[in-house]
Amino acid sequence: MTNQSVIVEVVQETDPMLLRSLNDLLPQLSKNAQAMTMEDLKQIVDSECSDLLVVRAAGGGSILGAFLNIR
């Protein structure tokens, strides 16, 4: 196992790269998961009831994971 520095950040804005990265992670949750649309992602990010956090490789690297915190 290698030590890799990561950054955890709250998503404030949506963009196509974020959408693609999250959709690439979905098969890890379920083989039957349907891809999110930009509208789906905007609803999550804009919600006052939740925070979407992403884990990135240090240096602004690719998204390694995500967490949805429901308040």
Protein backbone atom coordinates (compact mmCIF):
# COMPACT_ATOMS: atom_id res chain seq x y z
CA MET A 1 0.00 0.00 0.00
CA THR A 2 1.36 3.39 -0.92
CA ASN A 3 0.87 6.59 1.00
CA GLN A 4 -1.01 9.06 -1.13
CA SER A 5 -1.97 12.54 -0.01
CA VAL A 6 -5.58 13.42 -0.66
CA ILE A 7 -7.77 16.48 -0.42
CA VAL A 8 -11.40 16.37 0.74
CA GLU A 9 -13.53 19.23 -0.51
CA VAL A 10 -17.18 20.24 -0.51
CA VAL A 11 -18.49 20.60 -4.05
CA GLN A 12 -19.76 24.13 -4.67
CA GLU A 13 -20.23 24.06 -8.45
CA THR A 14 -21.00 21.48 -11.07
CA ASP A 15 -19.14 20.92 -14.31
CA PRO A 16 -18.94 18.19 -16.97
CA MET A 17 -15.65 16.79 -15.59
CA LEU A 18 -17.17 16.33 -12.13
CA LEU A 19 -20.22 14.64 -13.62
CA ARG A 20 -18.09 12.26 -15.68
CA SER A 21 -15.86 11.43 -12.70
CA LEU A 22 -18.80 10.66 -10.43
CA ASN A 23 -20.48 8.58 -13.12
CA ASP A 24 -17.24 6.62 -13.50
CA LEU A 25 -17.44 5.74 -9.79
CA LEU A 26 -21.08 4.56 -9.87
CA PRO A 27 -20.35 0.98 -10.98
CA GLN A 28 -18.47 0.50 -7.71
CA LEU A 29 -21.79 1.01 -5.90
CA SER A 30 -24.03 -1.05 -8.16
CA LYS A 31 -23.83 -2.78 -11.51
CA ASN A 32 -27.33 -1.46 -12.22
CA ALA A 33 -26.75 2.18 -11.25
CA GLN A 34 -27.93 4.63 -13.89
CA ALA A 35 -25.65 7.48 -14.85
CA MET A 36 -26.47 10.86 -13.34
CA THR A 37 -27.43 13.76 -15.55
CA MET A 38 -26.14 17.28 -15.06
CA GLU A 39 -29.57 18.18 -13.67
CA ASP A 40 -29.32 15.35 -11.11
CA LEU A 41 -25.91 16.60 -10.01
CA LYS A 42 -27.09 20.22 -9.79
CA GLN A 43 -30.00 19.20 -7.55
CA ILE A 44 -27.60 17.44 -5.19
CA VAL A 45 -25.07 20.27 -5.09
CA ASP A 46 -27.69 23.02 -4.78
CA SER A 47 -29.66 21.25 -2.04
CA GLU A 48 -29.74 22.92 1.36
CA CYS A 49 -30.22 19.48 2.91
CA SER A 50 -26.97 17.87 1.83
CA ASP A 51 -23.29 18.37 1.11
CA LEU A 52 -21.42 16.49 -1.61
CA LEU A 53 -17.81 15.89 -0.66
CA VAL A 54 -15.20 14.53 -3.04
CA VAL A 55 -11.80 13.05 -2.33
CA ARG A 56 -9.12 14.04 -4.82
CA ALA A 57 -5.51 13.11 -5.19
CA ALA A 58 -3.36 15.94 -3.84
CA GLY A 59 -2.42 18.51 -6.45
CA GLY A 60 -5.90 18.67 -7.97
CA GLY A 61 -5.82 15.13 -9.25
CA SER A 62 -8.65 12.89 -10.23
CA ILE A 63 -11.61 12.15 -7.97
CA LEU A 64 -10.94 9.00 -5.95
CA GLY A 65 -14.22 8.90 -4.05
CA ALA A 66 -17.28 10.83 -2.97
CA PHE A 67 -19.53 11.15 0.06
CA LEU A 68 -23.01 12.62 0.32
CA ASN A 69 -23.71 14.06 3.76
CA ILE A 70 -27.40 14.44 4.50
CA ARG A 71 -28.06 17.15 7.10
